[in-house]
Amino acid sequence: MNSDHFQKVSIIGCGWLGLPLATHLLSSRGEHRYYVRGSTTTPSKVEVLRQSGVEPVLFRVSPEPAGEAYSTLFDANSIVVDIPPRIAKQGEDFHTQQIYHLIQLLKNSKVKQIIYVSSTSVYPEINQEVTEQDVRFPAESAAPALVETELMMSELRGKSKVAILRCAGLMGYDRIPGKYVRGKKNITTGLIPVNYVHRNDVVAIIATLLKSGITDETYNVVAPVHPTRREVYEASCRQFGWELPTFLENNQQEPFKKINGTKLVTHTGYQYQFPDPLQFYYEV
């Protein structure tokens, strides 16, 4: 494919979310057509990307950059950064260092638009609804390292347009809530409202932002309906015939948060394909 007549997009982290995003962009027609490069850390996935129409690039930020010809990733109009923090496994400092080194590469590039995929895990469980304004500094956050990386990415504003997407719990397809609790006994968090978003919606939202033009904003990305965990767990277990979990009837509710995603909808006009987690599409 000749990339000269296409908008060049690089997806750093072309995995469970990144690859469907890549194939969605590649299917675009009309004036918005894309040439997509995607990075993977796994040599065996190179051919998978290539067969999907993506130009594959072996690239690892561990935490310093390494790989094969990874400079091509930064020859792009837009870059989507989707590197899971894996803080529990690698520690908080590791992801911060990853983003630091990535930013040095971005500073030396001509990339005009950046989308950084973050997480609503930055918000503490404060038993109320939260908006983007409720976490601005690491000290206010339940995941200070993640807020620190957001702040680092936002320092690129002025050179590039940077949108930060705080995604709720990503679900859909093989990520099925009931799969993780089937047959489990005495769950104490059944009354807590869920903060989920379907993968199809995240893909469509990123595509919408790329099409309309990135602005320097931070958005919560979350399905607008918030059923309880019990409702969601039981519904998805029933859908696949799994043993239902059981729940303790707590008089004192466990700590929770409810993510407000109104800002994104107001700014972009986006309407969720899957607004209610009880109606998410799954497959096994």
Protein backbone atom coordinates (compact mmCIF):
# COMPACT_ATOMS: atom_id res chain seq x y z
CA MET A 1 0.00 0.00 0.00
CA ASN A 2 1.31 3.46 -0.92
CA SER A 3 1.05 5.50 2.27
CA ASP A 4 1.41 8.90 0.58
CA HIS A 5 -2.34 9.41 0.14
CA PHE A 6 -3.39 8.19 3.57
CA GLN A 7 -3.30 9.61 7.08
CA LYS A 8 -0.51 7.76 8.85
CA VAL A 9 -1.45 6.39 12.26
CA SER A 10 0.84 4.39 14.53
CA ILE A 11 -0.59 2.29 17.35
CA ILE A 12 1.97 1.62 20.06
CA GLY A 13 0.63 -1.53 21.68
CA CYS A 14 -1.30 -3.30 18.93
CA GLY A 15 -2.91 -5.92 21.13
CA TRP A 16 -6.42 -6.68 22.46
CA LEU A 17 -7.59 -3.12 21.88
CA GLY A 18 -4.99 -1.86 19.41
CA LEU A 19 -5.45 -4.49 16.71
CA PRO A 20 -9.25 -4.08 16.45
CA LEU A 21 -8.64 -0.32 16.33
CA ALA A 22 -6.16 -0.84 13.48
CA THR A 23 -8.56 -2.99 11.44
CA HIS A 24 -11.37 -0.51 12.06
CA LEU A 25 -9.24 2.36 10.74
CA LEU A 26 -8.12 0.32 7.75
CA SER A 27 -11.75 -0.28 6.81
CA SER A 28 -12.45 3.46 6.61
CA ARG A 29 -13.48 4.81 3.23
CA GLY A 30 -14.00 8.27 1.77
CA GLU A 31 -11.73 11.15 2.69
CA HIS A 32 -10.63 9.59 5.97
CA ARG A 33 -8.37 6.71 5.01
CA TYR A 34 -5.49 5.42 7.04
CA TYR A 35 -2.13 3.76 6.72
CA VAL A 36 -1.54 1.96 10.01
CA ARG A 37 1.64 0.84 11.68
CA GLY A 38 1.34 -1.20 14.84
CA SER A 39 3.88 -2.27 17.41
CA THR A 40 4.15 -5.61 19.13
CA THR A 41 6.65 -6.98 21.61
CA THR A 42 6.11 -10.55 20.41
CA PRO A 43 7.86 -11.77 17.23
CA SER A 44 5.16 -14.38 16.59
CA LYS A 45 2.53 -11.62 16.31
CA VAL A 46 4.33 -9.82 13.49
CA GLU A 47 2.68 -11.96 10.83
CA VAL A 48 -0.73 -11.60 12.52
CA LEU A 49 -0.46 -7.83 12.17
CA ARG A 50 0.76 -8.07 8.60
CA GLN A 51 -2.12 -10.35 7.61
CA SER A 52 -4.51 -7.77 9.07
CA GLY A 53 -3.10 -5.06 6.80
CA VAL A 54 -1.01 -3.42 9.51
CA GLU A 55 2.66 -2.64 8.97
CA PRO A 56 4.17 -4.49 11.94
CA VAL A 57 6.99 -3.09 14.03
CA LEU A 58 8.80 -4.99 16.78
CA PHE A 59 9.08 -2.45 19.57
CA ARG A 60 9.52 -2.74 23.31
CA VAL A 61 9.81 -0.03 25.92
CA SER A 62 11.36 -2.05 28.72
CA PRO A 63 11.71 0.64 29.97
CA GLU A 64 14.21 1.92 27.37
CA PRO A 65 13.25 1.62 23.69
CA ALA A 66 14.36 -1.48 21.83
CA GLY A 67 13.32 -3.25 18.66
CA GLU A 68 13.73 -3.28 14.91
CA ALA A 69 13.40 -0.07 12.85
CA TYR A 70 11.01 1.31 15.44
CA SER A 71 11.74 4.88 14.32
CA THR A 72 9.17 4.28 11.55
CA LEU A 73 6.44 4.36 14.22
CA PHE A 74 7.16 8.03 14.76
CA ASP A 75 6.81 8.88 11.07
CA ALA A 76 3.10 9.43 11.52
CA ASN A 77 0.41 12.09 11.64
CA SER A 78 -1.13 10.55 14.75
CA ILE A 79 -0.02 8.11 17.43
CA VAL A 80 -2.17 6.08 19.80
CA VAL A 81 -0.29 4.98 22.92
CA ASP A 82 -1.87 1.91 24.50
CA ILE A 83 0.73 0.38 26.80
CA PRO A 84 -0.88 -1.34 29.81
CA PRO A 85 0.84 -0.19 33.02
CA ARG A 86 1.01 -3.66 34.65
CA ILE A 87 1.89 -1.88 37.88
CA ALA A 88 1.17 -4.91 40.09
CA LYS A 89 3.70 -6.99 38.14
CA GLN A 90 6.41 -4.49 37.26
CA GLY A 91 6.06 -1.77 39.89
CA GLU A 92 4.97 1.84 39.57
CA ASP A 93 8.32 3.25 38.45
CA PHE A 94 8.58 0.93 35.45
CA HIS A 95 5.62 2.40 33.57
CA THR A 96 6.70 5.94 34.42
CA GLN A 97 10.09 5.20 32.89
CA GLN A 98 8.44 3.64 29.83
CA ILE A 99 6.46 6.80 29.18
CA TYR A 100 9.47 9.02 29.87
CA HIS A 101 11.51 7.29 27.16
CA LEU A 102 8.55 7.25 24.80
CA ILE A 103 8.10 10.98 25.26
CA GLN A 104 11.72 11.61 24.26
CA LEU A 105 11.00 9.88 20.96
CA LEU A 106 7.78 11.86 20.51
CA LYS A 107 9.57 15.14 21.19
CA ASN A 108 11.91 14.42 18.31
CA SER A 109 9.09 13.49 15.94
CA LYS A 110 6.70 15.51 13.80
CA VAL A 111 3.62 13.78 15.21
CA LYS A 112 0.73 16.24 15.40
CA GLN A 113 -1.85 14.20 17.31
CA ILE A 114 -1.43 11.86 20.27
CA ILE A 115 -4.03 9.76 22.06
CA TYR A 116 -2.88 8.29 25.36
CA VAL A 117 -5.02 5.44 26.71
CA SER A 118 -5.16 5.77 30.48
CA SER A 119 -7.56 4.29 33.03
CA THR A 120 -10.30 5.28 35.45
CA SER A 121 -8.28 3.43 38.09
CA VAL A 122 -6.82 6.88 38.81
CA TYR A 123 -9.97 7.69 40.80
CA PRO A 124 -10.20 6.67 44.46
CA GLU A 125 -13.22 4.86 45.87
CA ILE A 126 -14.95 7.85 47.49
CA ASN A 127 -18.56 6.61 47.40
CA GLN A 128 -19.75 9.17 44.87
CA GLU A 129 -19.77 10.11 41.20
CA VAL A 130 -16.48 11.42 39.86
CA THR A 131 -15.58 13.57 36.85
CA GLU A 132 -12.32 14.38 35.07
CA GLN A 133 -11.76 17.29 37.48
CA ASP A 134 -11.61 15.02 40.52
CA VAL A 135 -8.03 13.90 39.88
CA ARG A 136 -5.42 16.41 38.73
CA PHE A 137 -2.37 15.49 40.79
CA PRO A 138 -0.74 12.15 41.72
CA ALA A 139 -1.37 12.73 45.42
CA GLU A 140 -5.13 12.81 44.79
CA SER A 141 -5.12 9.54 42.88
CA ALA A 142 -5.61 5.87 43.60
CA ALA A 143 -2.92 5.21 40.97
CA PRO A 144 -0.37 8.03 41.34
CA ALA A 145 2.07 6.60 38.79
CA LEU A 146 -0.65 6.64 36.14
CA VAL A 147 -1.51 10.28 36.83
CA GLU A 148 2.19 11.09 36.69
CA THR A 149 2.40 9.55 33.22
CA GLU A 150 -0.70 11.52 32.17
CA LEU A 151 1.01 14.73 33.30
CA MET A 152 4.15 13.75 31.41
CA MET A 153 2.14 13.16 28.25
CA SER A 154 0.30 16.47 28.67
CA GLU A 155 3.65 18.28 28.64
CA LEU A 156 3.75 17.54 24.91
CA ARG A 157 0.78 19.87 24.45
CA GLY A 158 1.89 22.88 22.49
CA LYS A 159 4.04 20.72 20.25
CA SER A 160 1.26 18.20 19.58
CA LYS A 161 -2.43 17.90 20.41
CA VAL A 162 -2.76 15.35 23.22
CA ALA A 163 -6.01 13.64 24.23
CA ILE A 164 -5.97 11.47 27.36
CA LEU A 165 -8.65 8.79 27.53
CA ARG A 166 -9.37 7.40 30.98
CA CYS A 167 -11.04 4.14 30.03
CA ALA A 168 -13.26 2.24 32.42
CA GLY A 169 -13.01 -1.55 32.70
CA LEU A 170 -12.67 -2.83 29.15
CA MET A 171 -15.12 -5.60 28.38
CA GLY A 172 -16.53 -7.40 25.36
CA TYR A 173 -15.78 -10.47 23.26
CA ASP A 174 -13.67 -12.82 25.43
CA ARG A 175 -13.55 -10.43 28.39
CA ILE A 176 -16.72 -11.50 30.15
CA PRO A 177 -17.38 -10.35 33.75
CA GLY A 178 -18.99 -13.62 34.79
CA LYS A 179 -15.97 -15.62 33.62
CA TYR A 180 -13.89 -14.22 36.47
CA VAL A 181 -16.38 -14.96 39.27
CA ARG A 182 -18.33 -18.05 38.12
CA GLY A 183 -18.97 -20.34 41.05
CA LYS A 184 -17.31 -17.94 43.48
CA LYS A 185 -18.86 -17.82 46.94
CA ASN A 186 -19.74 -14.98 49.29
CA ILE A 187 -18.83 -12.00 47.12
CA THR A 188 -19.12 -8.82 49.21
CA THR A 189 -19.17 -6.27 46.38
CA GLY A 190 -22.46 -7.20 44.70
CA LEU A 191 -24.12 -3.83 45.31
CA ILE A 192 -21.29 -1.75 43.82
CA PRO A 193 -22.08 -0.03 40.50
CA VAL A 194 -19.87 -1.15 37.63
CA ASN A 195 -17.76 1.17 35.48
CA TYR A 196 -17.37 -0.73 32.22
CA VAL A 197 -16.96 0.13 28.57
CA HIS A 198 -17.24 -2.14 25.55
CA ARG A 199 -14.20 -2.50 23.32
CA ASN A 200 -16.24 -1.55 20.25
CA ASP A 201 -17.04 1.80 21.82
CA VAL A 202 -13.42 2.58 22.69
CA VAL A 203 -12.39 1.75 19.12
CA ALA A 204 -15.16 3.96 17.71
CA ILE A 205 -14.36 6.82 20.09
CA ILE A 206 -10.68 6.84 19.12
CA ALA A 207 -11.66 6.74 15.45
CA THR A 208 -14.07 9.64 16.05
CA LEU A 209 -11.33 11.73 17.65
CA LEU A 210 -8.88 10.96 14.85
CA LYS A 211 -11.48 11.93 12.27
CA SER A 212 -12.62 15.16 13.93
CA GLY A 213 -9.18 16.25 15.13
CA ILE A 214 -7.57 15.83 18.55
CA THR A 215 -7.99 18.55 21.16
CA ASP A 216 -6.01 18.93 24.37
CA GLU A 217 -8.55 17.26 26.62
CA THR A 218 -8.87 14.48 29.18
CA TYR A 219 -11.98 12.32 28.87
CA ASN A 220 -13.59 9.54 30.87
CA VAL A 221 -14.61 6.73 28.53
CA VAL A 222 -17.34 4.71 30.22
CA ALA A 223 -20.75 3.25 29.38
CA PRO A 224 -23.37 5.68 30.75
CA VAL A 225 -25.42 2.99 32.53
CA HIS A 226 -24.05 1.58 35.80
CA PRO A 227 -25.83 -1.62 36.92
CA THR A 228 -24.55 -3.41 40.00
CA ARG A 229 -21.82 -6.02 39.88
CA ARG A 230 -24.31 -8.63 40.97
CA GLU A 231 -26.60 -7.83 38.05
CA VAL A 232 -23.75 -7.93 35.55
CA TYR A 233 -22.11 -11.07 36.95
CA GLU A 234 -25.34 -13.03 37.05
CA ALA A 235 -26.47 -11.91 33.59
CA SER A 236 -23.21 -12.93 31.90
CA CYS A 237 -23.03 -16.23 33.79
CA ARG A 238 -26.57 -17.07 32.70
CA GLN A 239 -25.74 -16.16 29.11
CA PHE A 240 -23.05 -18.84 28.96
CA GLY A 241 -24.54 -21.37 31.35
CA TRP A 242 -21.92 -20.88 34.06
CA GLU A 243 -22.47 -21.52 37.75
CA LEU A 244 -23.77 -18.37 39.41
CA PRO A 245 -21.65 -16.80 42.13
CA THR A 246 -23.18 -16.14 45.53
CA PHE A 247 -23.24 -12.84 47.37
CA LEU A 248 -23.22 -11.78 50.99
CA GLU A 249 -25.97 -9.37 51.95
CA ASN A 250 -23.91 -6.56 53.43
CA ASN A 251 -25.56 -3.93 55.56
CA GLN A 252 -22.52 -1.73 55.01
CA GLN A 253 -21.77 -1.22 51.32
CA GLU A 254 -18.21 -1.62 50.09
CA PRO A 255 -16.43 1.56 48.89
CA PHE A 256 -17.24 2.49 45.30
CA LYS A 257 -17.03 5.18 42.64
CA LYS A 258 -19.29 5.97 39.70
CA ILE A 259 -17.49 7.39 36.68
CA ASN A 260 -19.22 10.25 34.88
CA GLY A 261 -18.55 10.23 31.12
CA THR A 262 -20.73 13.19 30.13
CA LYS A 263 -17.84 15.41 29.03
CA LEU A 264 -16.86 13.17 26.11
CA VAL A 265 -20.45 12.90 24.87
CA THR A 266 -20.98 16.67 25.18
CA HIS A 267 -17.76 17.55 23.35
CA THR A 268 -17.98 14.98 20.55
CA GLY A 269 -21.65 14.05 20.22
CA TYR A 270 -20.66 10.38 20.43
CA GLN A 271 -23.48 7.95 21.20
CA TYR A 272 -22.47 4.66 22.79
CA GLN A 273 -23.15 1.49 20.81
CA PHE A 274 -23.34 -0.39 24.12
CA PRO A 275 -24.59 2.06 26.77
CA ASP A 276 -25.68 -0.68 29.20
CA PRO A 277 -23.21 -3.34 30.43
CA LEU A 278 -26.14 -5.74 30.81
CA GLN A 279 -26.38 -5.69 27.01
CA PHE A 280 -22.69 -6.01 26.10
CA TYR A 281 -21.73 -8.33 23.26
CA TYR A 282 -19.54 -11.30 24.23
CA GLU A 283 -18.29 -14.44 22.57
CA VAL A 284 -16.36 -17.50 23.72
